[in-house]
Amino acid sequence: MNDRCQSPDSGHSHQSHHSGGHSHGHSHTHGLARAGARHRGRLAAAFAILFVFMVVELVVGLATGSLALLSDAGHMVTDVAGLGMALAAIGLADRHAAGEAAARPGRTFGLYRLEILAALANAVLLFGVAGYVMVEAVRRFGDAPEINSGPMLVAAVFGLVANLVAFALLRDGSKESINVEGAYLEVLADTVGSVGVIVGALVMRATGWTWVDPAVGVAIGLWVVPRTWRLAGQALRILIQAAPQDLDLDALARDLGGIGGVVDVHDLHVWTLTSEMDVASAHLMISNGQDAHAVLDGARTLLQERYGIAHATLQVEPEDHKGCDDVTW
């Protein structure tokens, strides 16, 4: 938030300084270095691999009637959909970063939030697939159909290979982008799922126990749920503009207040726009006669070097200014 206010009686004009808007010529380069964009090639490769094996698992799962294989294929469908959404979100955000925002100036933060929406959509898809598999498994426990475990085993092995390749492609990016992390978690779930299907097929071939198939389906669903819950929580936390979990707001306020000439810090807000892009705004009250440019530069350096916040809107106010701390929300 950056409210505008003027003091009718102080004799000082109010100035709102942006952390890059004064004569030192600071610049902002968000989109070109975004984590998601750096891993677009790996996302595309994982998408292609998983799409092919998704079709294989769906066809074989339907042909054999294996719920475990259909469960694994269902998760692979969400992988492919999630990767597709991730790629689309990154592409749209980069179009903004490349200059398209000039044609649509109303989108002041561009399309960066699409990455977070895609991650949330991935979580919703995973919840849906897990729910369906568990409901269908309960129905099958009382009357488990005969399963042709041979094709089921072959398809699961090929699915495991595909997931391992995609897992390796996405591992590094998952540490930097919540969108890539969503796809990575889905692939991780599928990797475990493929192992479960292989084990289930081997057990059925050895014992003839048909109930193993729905049991494996339930196990895959239960394994996925807590990880999906965490991903959804991260996305929702960003969407409601909560402060980053690893940020100590009190410490940040103290550090800003410790800059020479600053006598008060208020209206401090920090939120995450998208992966690796935290944003801050604050009002810094300075003693009369203090050089606002020095305070602004000091605050900008502190935010960027100590807290990793490169985009900040800082409103610098003289000590005798009145009215800027009257906001009640």
C-alpha atoms as a PDB file:
ATOM      1  CA  MET A   1       0.000   0.000   0.000  1.00  0.00           C
ATOM      2  CA  ASN A   2       1.201   3.481  -0.797  1.00  0.00           C
ATOM      3  CA  ASP A   3      -1.251   6.151   0.315  1.00  0.00           C
ATOM      4  CA  ARG A   4      -0.982   9.759  -0.783  1.00  0.00           C
ATOM      5  CA  CYS A   5      -1.255  12.475   1.801  1.00  0.00           C
ATOM      6  CA  GLN A   6      -0.322  16.090   2.302  1.00  0.00           C
ATOM      7  CA  SER A   7       0.142  18.127   5.426  1.00  0.00           C
ATOM      8  CA  PRO A   8      -1.934  21.288   5.371  1.00  0.00           C
ATOM      9  CA  ASP A   9      -0.144  22.872   8.302  1.00  0.00           C
ATOM     10  CA  SER A  10       3.424  21.662   8.387  1.00  0.00           C
ATOM     11  CA  GLY A  11       4.785  23.772   5.595  1.00  0.00           C
ATOM     12  CA  HIS A  12       6.488  20.753   4.058  1.00  0.00           C
ATOM     13  CA  SER A  13       5.442  19.186   0.801  1.00  0.00           C
ATOM     14  CA  HIS A  14       4.977  15.414   1.029  1.00  0.00           C
ATOM     15  CA  GLN A  15       7.209  13.285  -1.162  1.00  0.00           C
ATOM     16  CA  SER A  16       6.749   9.648  -2.101  1.00  0.00           C
ATOM     17  CA  HIS A  17      10.059   8.134  -3.121  1.00  0.00           C
ATOM     18  CA  HIS A  18      10.314   4.833  -4.946  1.00  0.00           C
ATOM     19  CA  SER A  19      13.386   2.736  -4.319  1.00  0.00           C
ATOM     20  CA  GLY A  20      14.656   3.368  -7.795  1.00  0.00           C
ATOM     21  CA  GLY A  21      12.854   6.479  -8.786  1.00  0.00           C
ATOM     22  CA  HIS A  22      15.302   9.239  -7.844  1.00  0.00           C
ATOM     23  CA  SER A  23      18.225  10.602  -9.760  1.00  0.00           C
ATOM     24  CA  HIS A  24      20.577   7.683  -9.122  1.00  0.00           C
ATOM     25  CA  GLY A  25      18.842   5.797 -11.902  1.00  0.00           C
ATOM     26  CA  HIS A  26      18.120   2.479 -10.254  1.00  0.00           C
ATOM     27  CA  SER A  27      16.497  -0.079 -12.492  1.00  0.00           C
ATOM     28  CA  HIS A  28      14.251  -3.094 -12.023  1.00  0.00           C
ATOM     29  CA  THR A  29      14.723  -6.261 -14.059  1.00  0.00           C
ATOM     30  CA  HIS A  30      12.279  -8.834 -12.743  1.00  0.00           C
ATOM     31  CA  GLY A  31      11.079 -11.080 -15.520  1.00  0.00           C
ATOM     32  CA  LEU A  32      14.264 -11.939 -17.353  1.00  0.00           C
ATOM     33  CA  ALA A  33      15.852 -13.593 -14.329  1.00  0.00           C
ATOM     34  CA  ARG A  34      12.775 -15.359 -12.987  1.00  0.00           C
ATOM     35  CA  ALA A  35      13.332 -18.890 -11.746  1.00  0.00           C
ATOM     36  CA  GLY A  36      10.515 -20.430 -13.751  1.00  0.00           C
ATOM     37  CA  ALA A  37      11.825 -19.027 -17.033  1.00  0.00           C
ATOM     38  CA  ARG A  38      15.298 -20.386 -16.347  1.00  0.00           C
ATOM     39  CA  HIS A  39      13.896 -23.916 -16.254  1.00  0.00           C
ATOM     40  CA  ARG A  40      11.458 -23.672 -19.170  1.00  0.00           C
ATOM     41  CA  GLY A  41      13.458 -26.068 -21.353  1.00  0.00           C
ATOM     42  CA  ARG A  42      13.510 -28.748 -18.667  1.00  0.00           C
ATOM     43  CA  LEU A  43       9.780 -28.267 -18.063  1.00  0.00           C
ATOM     44  CA  ALA A  44       9.087 -28.718 -21.773  1.00  0.00           C
ATOM     45  CA  ALA A  45      11.207 -31.886 -21.945  1.00  0.00           C
ATOM     46  CA  ALA A  46       9.475 -33.360 -18.891  1.00  0.00           C
ATOM     47  CA  PHE A  47       6.092 -32.453 -20.401  1.00  0.00           C
ATOM     48  CA  ALA A  48       6.847 -34.326 -23.638  1.00  0.00           C
ATOM     49  CA  ILE A  49       8.151 -37.437 -21.876  1.00  0.00           C
ATOM     50  CA  LEU A  50       5.268 -37.682 -19.430  1.00  0.00           C
ATOM     51  CA  PHE A  51       2.645 -37.056 -22.112  1.00  0.00           C
ATOM     52  CA  VAL A  52       3.800 -40.093 -24.093  1.00  0.00           C
ATOM     53  CA  PHE A  53       3.839 -42.408 -21.095  1.00  0.00           C
ATOM     54  CA  MET A  54       0.565 -40.996 -19.774  1.00  0.00           C
ATOM     55  CA  VAL A  55      -1.123 -42.262 -22.933  1.00  0.00           C
ATOM     56  CA  VAL A  56       0.564 -45.654 -22.537  1.00  0.00           C
ATOM     57  CA  GLU A  57      -0.520 -46.069 -18.910  1.00  0.00           C
ATOM     58  CA  LEU A  58      -4.093 -44.938 -19.583  1.00  0.00           C
ATOM     59  CA  VAL A  59      -4.507 -47.368 -22.485  1.00  0.00           C
ATOM     60  CA  VAL A  60      -3.005 -50.305 -20.584  1.00  0.00           C
ATOM     61  CA  GLY A  61      -4.856 -49.423 -17.375  1.00  0.00           C
ATOM     62  CA  LEU A  62      -8.192 -49.385 -19.167  1.00  0.00           C
ATOM     63  CA  ALA A  63      -7.357 -52.601 -21.014  1.00  0.00           C
ATOM     64  CA  THR A  64      -6.318 -54.502 -17.885  1.00  0.00           C
ATOM     65  CA  GLY A  65      -8.770 -52.920 -15.441  1.00  0.00           C
ATOM     66  CA  SER A  66      -5.991 -52.123 -12.972  1.00  0.00           C
ATOM     67  CA  LEU A  67      -7.001 -49.400 -10.508  1.00  0.00           C
ATOM     68  CA  ALA A  68      -3.404 -49.035  -9.344  1.00  0.00           C
ATOM     69  CA  LEU A  69      -2.235 -48.397 -12.907  1.00  0.00           C
ATOM     70  CA  LEU A  70      -5.154 -46.038 -13.565  1.00  0.00           C
ATOM     71  CA  SER A  71      -4.290 -44.228 -10.339  1.00  0.00           C
ATOM     72  CA  ASP A  72      -0.714 -43.807 -11.503  1.00  0.00           C
ATOM     73  CA  ALA A  73      -1.914 -42.731 -14.960  1.00  0.00           C
ATOM     74  CA  GLY A  74      -4.346 -40.293 -13.347  1.00  0.00           C
ATOM     75  CA  HIS A  75      -1.525 -38.663 -11.439  1.00  0.00           C
ATOM     76  CA  MET A  76       0.434 -38.542 -14.678  1.00  0.00           C
ATOM     77  CA  VAL A  77      -2.502 -36.712 -16.286  1.00  0.00           C
ATOM     78  CA  THR A  78      -2.222 -34.086 -13.556  1.00  0.00           C
ATOM     79  CA  ASP A  79       1.533 -33.964 -14.173  1.00  0.00           C
ATOM     80  CA  VAL A  80       0.980 -33.231 -17.841  1.00  0.00           C
ATOM     81  CA  ALA A  81      -1.772 -30.707 -17.116  1.00  0.00           C
ATOM     82  CA  GLY A  82       0.316 -29.101 -14.391  1.00  0.00           C
ATOM     83  CA  LEU A  83       3.396 -28.886 -16.574  1.00  0.00           C
ATOM     84  CA  GLY A  84       1.306 -27.426 -19.384  1.00  0.00           C
ATOM     85  CA  MET A  85      -0.116 -24.776 -17.051  1.00  0.00           C
ATOM     86  CA  ALA A  86       3.341 -24.066 -15.683  1.00  0.00           C
ATOM     87  CA  LEU A  87       4.735 -23.540 -19.170  1.00  0.00           C
ATOM     88  CA  ALA A  88       1.793 -21.338 -20.146  1.00  0.00           C
ATOM     89  CA  ALA A  89       2.117 -19.251 -16.965  1.00  0.00           C
ATOM     90  CA  ILE A  90       5.846 -18.756 -17.498  1.00  0.00           C
ATOM     91  CA  GLY A  91       5.322 -17.829 -21.135  1.00  0.00           C
ATOM     92  CA  LEU A  92       2.639 -15.261 -20.339  1.00  0.00           C
ATOM     93  CA  ALA A  93       4.671 -13.751 -17.520  1.00  0.00           C
ATOM     94  CA  ASP A  94       7.706 -13.453 -19.769  1.00  0.00           C
ATOM     95  CA  ARG A  95       5.651 -11.730 -22.452  1.00  0.00           C
ATOM     96  CA  HIS A  96       4.968  -9.076 -19.833  1.00  0.00           C
ATOM     97  CA  ALA A  97       8.631  -8.945 -18.885  1.00  0.00           C
ATOM     98  CA  ALA A  98       9.598  -8.517 -22.529  1.00  0.00           C
ATOM     99  CA  GLY A  99       7.580  -5.328 -22.793  1.00  0.00           C
ATOM    100  CA  GLU A 100       3.979  -6.315 -23.472  1.00  0.00           C
ATOM    101  CA  ALA A 101       2.942  -4.526 -20.259  1.00  0.00           C
ATOM    102  CA  ALA A 102       3.312  -1.231 -22.091  1.00  0.00           C
ATOM    103  CA  ALA A 103       0.302  -2.173 -24.199  1.00  0.00           C
ATOM    104  CA  ARG A 104      -1.739  -3.069 -21.102  1.00  0.00           C
ATOM    105  CA  PRO A 105      -0.690  -0.608 -18.426  1.00  0.00           C
ATOM    106  CA  GLY A 106      -3.514  -1.613 -16.070  1.00  0.00           C
ATOM    107  CA  ARG A 107      -1.621  -4.804 -15.146  1.00  0.00           C
ATOM    108  CA  THR A 108       0.857  -3.079 -12.903  1.00  0.00           C
ATOM    109  CA  PHE A 109       2.399  -6.359 -11.753  1.00  0.00           C
ATOM    110  CA  GLY A 110       2.002  -8.037 -15.116  1.00  0.00           C
ATOM    111  CA  LEU A 111       1.056 -11.725 -15.180  1.00  0.00           C
ATOM    112  CA  TYR A 112       3.540 -13.016 -12.639  1.00  0.00           C
ATOM    113  CA  ARG A 113       0.758 -14.359 -10.376  1.00  0.00           C
ATOM    114  CA  LEU A 114      -0.250 -16.879 -13.040  1.00  0.00           C
ATOM    115  CA  GLU A 115       2.625 -19.033 -11.818  1.00  0.00           C
ATOM    116  CA  ILE A 116       1.043 -19.231  -8.354  1.00  0.00           C
ATOM    117  CA  LEU A 117      -2.434 -19.873  -9.750  1.00  0.00           C
ATOM    118  CA  ALA A 118      -1.010 -22.738 -11.813  1.00  0.00           C
ATOM    119  CA  ALA A 119       0.584 -24.243  -8.699  1.00  0.00           C
ATOM    120  CA  LEU A 120      -2.745 -24.030  -6.839  1.00  0.00           C
ATOM    121  CA  ALA A 121      -4.559 -25.620  -9.788  1.00  0.00           C
ATOM    122  CA  ASN A 122      -2.037 -28.472  -9.711  1.00  0.00           C
ATOM    123  CA  ALA A 123      -2.813 -29.060  -6.046  1.00  0.00           C
ATOM    124  CA  VAL A 124      -6.561 -29.097  -6.703  1.00  0.00           C
ATOM    125  CA  LEU A 125      -6.097 -31.637  -9.503  1.00  0.00           C
ATOM    126  CA  LEU A 126      -4.017 -33.870  -7.252  1.00  0.00           C
ATOM    127  CA  PHE A 127      -6.650 -33.736  -4.501  1.00  0.00           C
ATOM    128  CA  GLY A 128      -9.313 -34.697  -7.030  1.00  0.00           C
ATOM    129  CA  VAL A 129      -7.398 -37.676  -8.392  1.00  0.00           C
ATOM    130  CA  ALA A 130      -6.495 -38.920  -4.906  1.00  0.00           C
ATOM    131  CA  GLY A 131     -10.124 -38.664  -3.815  1.00  0.00           C
ATOM    132  CA  TYR A 132     -11.417 -40.556  -6.840  1.00  0.00           C
ATOM    133  CA  VAL A 133      -8.891 -43.369  -6.433  1.00  0.00           C
ATOM    134  CA  MET A 134      -9.663 -43.859  -2.751  1.00  0.00           C
ATOM    135  CA  VAL A 135     -13.435 -43.920  -3.314  1.00  0.00           C
ATOM    136  CA  GLU A 136     -13.077 -46.392  -6.192  1.00  0.00           C
ATOM    137  CA  ALA A 137     -10.684 -48.541  -4.134  1.00  0.00           C
ATOM    138  CA  VAL A 138     -13.174 -48.845  -1.277  1.00  0.00           C
ATOM    139  CA  ARG A 139     -15.804 -50.005  -3.778  1.00  0.00           C
ATOM    140  CA  ARG A 140     -13.440 -52.608  -5.215  1.00  0.00           C
ATOM    141  CA  PHE A 141     -12.271 -54.090  -1.916  1.00  0.00           C
ATOM    142  CA  GLY A 142     -15.520 -56.065  -1.634  1.00  0.00           C
ATOM    143  CA  ASP A 143     -15.468 -57.283  -5.234  1.00  0.00           C
ATOM    144  CA  ALA A 144     -12.001 -56.968  -6.740  1.00  0.00           C
ATOM    145  CA  PRO A 145     -11.973 -57.812 -10.463  1.00  0.00           C
ATOM    146  CA  GLU A 146      -9.403 -60.024 -12.109  1.00  0.00           C
ATOM    147  CA  ILE A 147      -6.347 -58.043 -13.238  1.00  0.00           C
ATOM    148  CA  ASN A 148      -3.972 -58.972 -16.079  1.00  0.00           C
ATOM    149  CA  SER A 149      -0.770 -58.226 -14.183  1.00  0.00           C
ATOM    150  CA  GLY A 150       1.636 -58.805 -17.094  1.00  0.00           C
ATOM    151  CA  PRO A 151       0.820 -55.703 -19.196  1.00  0.00           C
ATOM    152  CA  MET A 152       0.280 -53.808 -15.951  1.00  0.00           C
ATOM    153  CA  LEU A 153       3.847 -54.610 -14.882  1.00  0.00           C
ATOM    154  CA  VAL A 154       5.386 -53.628 -18.233  1.00  0.00           C
ATOM    155  CA  ALA A 155       3.502 -50.319 -18.367  1.00  0.00           C
ATOM    156  CA  ALA A 156       4.456 -49.515 -14.783  1.00  0.00           C
ATOM    157  CA  VAL A 157       8.149 -50.139 -15.484  1.00  0.00           C
ATOM    158  CA  PHE A 158       8.116 -47.797 -18.478  1.00  0.00           C
ATOM    159  CA  GLY A 159       6.179 -45.253 -16.417  1.00  0.00           C
ATOM    160  CA  LEU A 160       8.813 -45.447 -13.690  1.00  0.00           C
ATOM    161  CA  VAL A 161      11.583 -44.744 -16.212  1.00  0.00           C
ATOM    162  CA  ALA A 162       9.668 -41.738 -17.553  1.00  0.00           C
ATOM    163  CA  ASN A 163       9.094 -40.382 -14.057  1.00  0.00           C
ATOM    164  CA  LEU A 164      12.735 -40.796 -13.080  1.00  0.00           C
ATOM    165  CA  VAL A 165      13.838 -38.806 -16.127  1.00  0.00           C
ATOM    166  CA  ALA A 166      11.290 -36.057 -15.424  1.00  0.00           C
ATOM    167  CA  PHE A 167      12.266 -36.099 -11.742  1.00  0.00           C
ATOM    168  CA  ALA A 168      15.895 -35.436 -12.649  1.00  0.00           C
ATOM    169  CA  LEU A 169      14.904 -32.640 -15.044  1.00  0.00           C
ATOM    170  CA  LEU A 170      12.791 -30.784 -12.477  1.00  0.00           C
ATOM    171  CA  ARG A 171      14.769 -31.320  -9.256  1.00  0.00           C
ATOM    172  CA  ASP A 172      16.925 -28.185  -9.416  1.00  0.00           C
ATOM    173  CA  GLY A 173      14.092 -25.902 -10.506  1.00  0.00           C
ATOM    174  CA  SER A 174      11.847 -27.087  -7.662  1.00  0.00           C
ATOM    175  CA  LYS A 175      14.139 -25.312  -5.196  1.00  0.00           C
ATOM    176  CA  GLU A 176      13.625 -21.952  -6.891  1.00  0.00           C
ATOM    177  CA  SER A 177      10.076 -21.846  -8.311  1.00  0.00           C
ATOM    178  CA  ILE A 178       6.815 -22.827  -6.600  1.00  0.00           C
ATOM    179  CA  ASN A 179       5.380 -23.580 -10.023  1.00  0.00           C
ATOM    180  CA  VAL A 180       8.205 -25.990 -10.858  1.00  0.00           C
ATOM    181  CA  GLU A 181       7.914 -27.377  -7.322  1.00  0.00           C
ATOM    182  CA  GLY A 182       4.271 -28.244  -7.988  1.00  0.00           C
ATOM    183  CA  ALA A 183       5.213 -30.197 -11.093  1.00  0.00           C
ATOM    184  CA  TYR A 184       8.159 -31.773  -9.239  1.00  0.00           C
ATOM    185  CA  LEU A 185       5.923 -32.983  -6.401  1.00  0.00           C
ATOM    186  CA  GLU A 186       3.521 -34.526  -8.870  1.00  0.00           C
ATOM    187  CA  VAL A 187       6.348 -36.343 -10.626  1.00  0.00           C
ATOM    188  CA  LEU A 188       7.723 -37.465  -7.253  1.00  0.00           C
ATOM    189  CA  ALA A 189       4.300 -38.842  -6.359  1.00  0.00           C
ATOM    190  CA  ASP A 190       4.120 -40.633  -9.676  1.00  0.00           C
ATOM    191  CA  THR A 191       7.589 -42.116  -9.164  1.00  0.00           C
ATOM    192  CA  VAL A 192       6.494 -43.604  -5.857  1.00  0.00           C
ATOM    193  CA  GLY A 193       3.228 -44.634  -7.490  1.00  0.00           C
ATOM    194  CA  SER A 194       5.010 -46.462 -10.299  1.00  0.00           C
ATOM    195  CA  VAL A 195       7.093 -48.354  -7.752  1.00  0.00           C
ATOM    196  CA  GLY A 196       3.879 -49.268  -5.915  1.00  0.00           C
ATOM    197  CA  VAL A 197       2.242 -50.522  -9.109  1.00  0.00           C
ATOM    198  CA  ILE A 198       5.305 -52.640  -9.946  1.00  0.00           C
ATOM    199  CA  VAL A 199       5.315 -54.175  -6.465  1.00  0.00           C
ATOM    200  CA  GLY A 200       1.574 -54.771  -6.653  1.00  0.00           C
ATOM    201  CA  ALA A 201       1.826 -56.450 -10.054  1.00  0.00           C
ATOM    202  CA  LEU A 202       4.623 -58.728  -8.840  1.00  0.00           C
ATOM    203  CA  VAL A 203       2.643 -59.688  -5.717  1.00  0.00           C
ATOM    204  CA  MET A 204      -0.474 -60.457  -7.780  1.00  0.00           C
ATOM    205  CA  ARG A 205       1.513 -62.579 -10.210  1.00  0.00           C
ATOM    206  CA  ALA A 206       2.990 -64.537  -7.304  1.00  0.00           C
ATOM    207  CA  THR A 207      -0.113 -64.900  -5.106  1.00  0.00           C
ATOM    208  CA  GLY A 208      -3.198 -64.093  -7.177  1.00  0.00           C
ATOM    209  CA  TRP A 209      -4.384 -61.614  -4.522  1.00  0.00           C
ATOM    210  CA  THR A 210      -6.547 -59.179  -6.504  1.00  0.00           C
ATOM    211  CA  TRP A 211      -7.142 -56.936  -3.478  1.00  0.00           C
ATOM    212  CA  VAL A 212      -3.513 -55.800  -3.751  1.00  0.00           C
ATOM    213  CA  ASP A 213      -4.414 -53.609  -6.740  1.00  0.00           C
ATOM    214  CA  PRO A 214      -6.913 -51.289  -4.937  1.00  0.00           C
ATOM    215  CA  ALA A 215      -4.686 -51.338  -1.834  1.00  0.00           C
ATOM    216  CA  VAL A 216      -1.789 -49.943  -3.872  1.00  0.00           C
ATOM    217  CA  GLY A 217      -4.150 -47.325  -5.336  1.00  0.00           C
ATOM    218  CA  VAL A 218      -5.145 -46.167  -1.839  1.00  0.00           C
ATOM    219  CA  ALA A 219      -1.522 -46.108  -0.673  1.00  0.00           C
ATOM    220  CA  ILE A 220      -0.550 -43.871  -3.582  1.00  0.00           C
ATOM    221  CA  GLY A 221      -3.419 -41.482  -2.819  1.00  0.00           C
ATOM    222  CA  LEU A 222      -2.592 -41.276   0.888  1.00  0.00           C
ATOM    223  CA  TRP A 223       1.082 -40.642   0.154  1.00  0.00           C
ATOM    224  CA  VAL A 224       0.257 -37.750  -2.149  1.00  0.00           C
ATOM    225  CA  VAL A 225      -2.231 -35.888   0.065  1.00  0.00           C
ATOM    226  CA  PRO A 226       0.092 -34.304   2.696  1.00  0.00           C
ATOM    227  CA  ARG A 227       2.549 -33.089   0.055  1.00  0.00           C
ATOM    228  CA  THR A 228      -0.297 -31.660  -1.986  1.00  0.00           C
ATOM    229  CA  TRP A 229      -1.645 -29.956   1.125  1.00  0.00           C
ATOM    230  CA  ARG A 230       1.704 -28.250   1.666  1.00  0.00           C
ATOM    231  CA  LEU A 231       1.850 -27.038  -1.935  1.00  0.00           C
ATOM    232  CA  ALA A 232      -1.703 -25.676  -1.755  1.00  0.00           C
ATOM    233  CA  GLY A 233      -0.881 -23.922   1.525  1.00  0.00           C
ATOM    234  CA  GLN A 234       2.158 -22.238  -0.005  1.00  0.00           C
ATOM    235  CA  ALA A 235       0.160 -21.029  -3.005  1.00  0.00           C
ATOM    236  CA  LEU A 236      -2.710 -19.726  -0.862  1.00  0.00           C
ATOM    237  CA  ARG A 237      -0.301 -17.950   1.464  1.00  0.00           C
ATOM    238  CA  ILE A 238       1.120 -16.076  -1.512  1.00  0.00           C
ATOM    239  CA  LEU A 239      -2.316 -15.305  -2.953  1.00  0.00           C
ATOM    240  CA  ILE A 240      -3.540 -13.735   0.309  1.00  0.00           C
ATOM    241  CA  GLN A 241      -0.325 -11.674   0.341  1.00  0.00           C
ATOM    242  CA  ALA A 242       0.945 -12.966   3.672  1.00  0.00           C
ATOM    243  CA  ALA A 243       4.528 -12.147   4.548  1.00  0.00           C
ATOM    244  CA  PRO A 244       7.092 -14.779   3.461  1.00  0.00           C
ATOM    245  CA  GLN A 245       7.371 -17.486   6.107  1.00  0.00           C
ATOM    246  CA  ASP A 246      11.119 -17.106   6.509  1.00  0.00           C
ATOM    247  CA  LEU A 247      10.959 -13.325   6.988  1.00  0.00           C
ATOM    248  CA  ASP A 248      11.079 -11.747  10.459  1.00  0.00           C
ATOM    249  CA  LEU A 249       8.997  -8.575  10.051  1.00  0.00           C
ATOM    250  CA  ASP A 250       9.950  -7.247  13.482  1.00  0.00           C
ATOM    251  CA  ALA A 251      13.640  -7.586  12.649  1.00  0.00           C
ATOM    252  CA  LEU A 252      13.093  -5.868   9.326  1.00  0.00           C
ATOM    253  CA  ALA A 253      11.316  -2.963  11.010  1.00  0.00           C
ATOM    254  CA  ARG A 254      14.159  -2.649  13.532  1.00  0.00           C
ATOM    255  CA  ASP A 255      16.764  -2.689  10.786  1.00  0.00           C
ATOM    256  CA  LEU A 256      14.968  -0.006   8.797  1.00  0.00           C
ATOM    257  CA  GLY A 257      14.560   2.042  11.979  1.00  0.00           C
ATOM    258  CA  GLY A 258      18.295   1.743  12.593  1.00  0.00           C
ATOM    259  CA  ILE A 259      19.186   3.611   9.405  1.00  0.00           C
ATOM    260  CA  GLY A 260      20.710   6.977  10.239  1.00  0.00           C
ATOM    261  CA  GLY A 261      18.096   9.708  10.365  1.00  0.00           C
ATOM    262  CA  VAL A 262      15.054   7.396  10.538  1.00  0.00           C
ATOM    263  CA  VAL A 263      12.893   8.080  13.589  1.00  0.00           C
ATOM    264  CA  ASP A 264       9.913   5.853  12.834  1.00  0.00           C
ATOM    265  CA  VAL A 265       8.837   3.034  10.522  1.00  0.00           C
ATOM    266  CA  HIS A 266       5.174   2.350   9.855  1.00  0.00           C
ATOM    267  CA  ASP A 267       2.846   0.861   7.218  1.00  0.00           C
ATOM    268  CA  LEU A 268       5.414  -1.863   6.580  1.00  0.00           C
ATOM    269  CA  HIS A 269       4.177  -4.560   4.206  1.00  0.00           C
ATOM    270  CA  VAL A 270       6.059  -7.455   2.637  1.00  0.00           C
ATOM    271  CA  TRP A 271       4.528 -10.035   0.330  1.00  0.00           C
ATOM    272  CA  THR A 272       5.495 -12.489  -2.386  1.00  0.00           C
ATOM    273  CA  LEU A 273       4.467 -11.721  -5.930  1.00  0.00           C
ATOM    274  CA  THR A 274       5.750 -14.975  -7.419  1.00  0.00           C
ATOM    275  CA  SER A 275       8.694 -17.317  -6.907  1.00  0.00           C
ATOM    276  CA  GLU A 276      11.889 -15.453  -5.988  1.00  0.00           C
ATOM    277  CA  MET A 277      10.130 -12.091  -6.164  1.00  0.00           C
ATOM    278  CA  ASP A 278       9.312 -10.542  -2.778  1.00  0.00           C
ATOM    279  CA  VAL A 279       7.924  -7.010  -2.673  1.00  0.00           C
ATOM    280  CA  ALA A 280       7.905  -4.476   0.156  1.00  0.00           C
ATOM    281  CA  SER A 281       6.417  -1.087   0.941  1.00  0.00           C
ATOM    282  CA  ALA A 282       6.996   1.104   3.986  1.00  0.00           C
ATOM    283  CA  HIS A 283       6.786   4.648   5.323  1.00  0.00           C
ATOM    284  CA  LEU A 284      10.061   5.929   6.755  1.00  0.00           C
ATOM    285  CA  MET A 285       9.820   9.014   8.952  1.00  0.00           C
ATOM    286  CA  ILE A 286      13.076  10.967   9.088  1.00  0.00           C
ATOM    287  CA  SER A 287      14.297  13.787  11.313  1.00  0.00           C
ATOM    288  CA  ASN A 288      13.907  17.286   9.934  1.00  0.00           C
ATOM    289  CA  GLY A 289      16.784  18.299   7.702  1.00  0.00           C
ATOM    290  CA  GLN A 290      17.874  14.712   7.074  1.00  0.00           C
ATOM    291  CA  ASP A 291      18.870  13.882   3.485  1.00  0.00           C
ATOM    292  CA  ALA A 292      15.991  11.769   2.138  1.00  0.00           C
ATOM    293  CA  HIS A 293      18.130  10.404  -0.698  1.00  0.00           C
ATOM    294  CA  ALA A 294      20.687   8.960   1.718  1.00  0.00           C
ATOM    295  CA  VAL A 295      17.936   7.282   3.742  1.00  0.00           C
ATOM    296  CA  LEU A 296      16.317   5.940   0.605  1.00  0.00           C
ATOM    297  CA  ASP A 297      19.575   4.497  -0.674  1.00  0.00           C
ATOM    298  CA  GLY A 298      20.383   2.980   2.711  1.00  0.00           C
ATOM    299  CA  ALA A 299      16.959   1.354   2.977  1.00  0.00           C
ATOM    300  CA  ARG A 300      17.115   0.027  -0.564  1.00  0.00           C
ATOM    301  CA  THR A 301      20.556  -1.490   0.006  1.00  0.00           C
ATOM    302  CA  LEU A 302      19.470  -3.047   3.306  1.00  0.00           C
ATOM    303  CA  LEU A 303      16.364  -4.613   1.768  1.00  0.00           C
ATOM    304  CA  GLN A 304      18.194  -6.033  -1.199  1.00  0.00           C
ATOM    305  CA  GLU A 305      21.398  -7.260   0.426  1.00  0.00           C
ATOM    306  CA  ARG A 306      20.080  -8.471   3.780  1.00  0.00           C
ATOM    307  CA  TYR A 307      16.553  -9.568   2.883  1.00  0.00           C
ATOM    308  CA  GLY A 308      16.717 -10.252  -0.856  1.00  0.00           C
ATOM    309  CA  ILE A 309      13.955  -7.749  -1.640  1.00  0.00           C
ATOM    310  CA  ALA A 310      14.815  -5.963  -4.879  1.00  0.00           C
ATOM    311  CA  HIS A 311      11.471  -4.213  -5.422  1.00  0.00           C
ATOM    312  CA  ALA A 312      10.412  -1.830  -2.661  1.00  0.00           C
ATOM    313  CA  THR A 313       8.257   1.279  -2.567  1.00  0.00           C
ATOM    314  CA  LEU A 314       9.490   3.532   0.233  1.00  0.00           C
ATOM    315  CA  GLN A 315       7.688   6.681   1.291  1.00  0.00           C
ATOM    316  CA  VAL A 316      10.013   9.085   3.101  1.00  0.00           C
ATOM    317  CA  GLU A 317       8.311  11.600   5.410  1.00  0.00           C
ATOM    318  CA  PRO A 318       9.703  14.500   7.448  1.00  0.00           C
ATOM    319  CA  GLU A 319       9.330  14.158  11.200  1.00  0.00           C
ATOM    320  CA  ASP A 320       6.824  17.017  11.527  1.00  0.00           C
ATOM    321  CA  HIS A 321       4.580  15.655   8.798  1.00  0.00           C
ATOM    322  CA  LYS A 322       1.075  14.650   9.935  1.00  0.00           C
ATOM    323  CA  GLY A 323      -1.552  12.308   8.594  1.00  0.00           C
ATOM    324  CA  CYS A 324       0.315   9.444   6.916  1.00  0.00           C
ATOM    325  CA  ASP A 325      -0.127   7.084   9.875  1.00  0.00           C
ATOM    326  CA  ASP A 326      -3.903   7.489  10.023  1.00  0.00           C
ATOM    327  CA  VAL A 327      -4.735   4.501   7.814  1.00  0.00           C
ATOM    328  CA  THR A 328      -6.821   1.995   9.790  1.00  0.00           C
ATOM    329  CA  TRP A 329      -6.654  -1.114   7.604  1.00  0.00           C
END
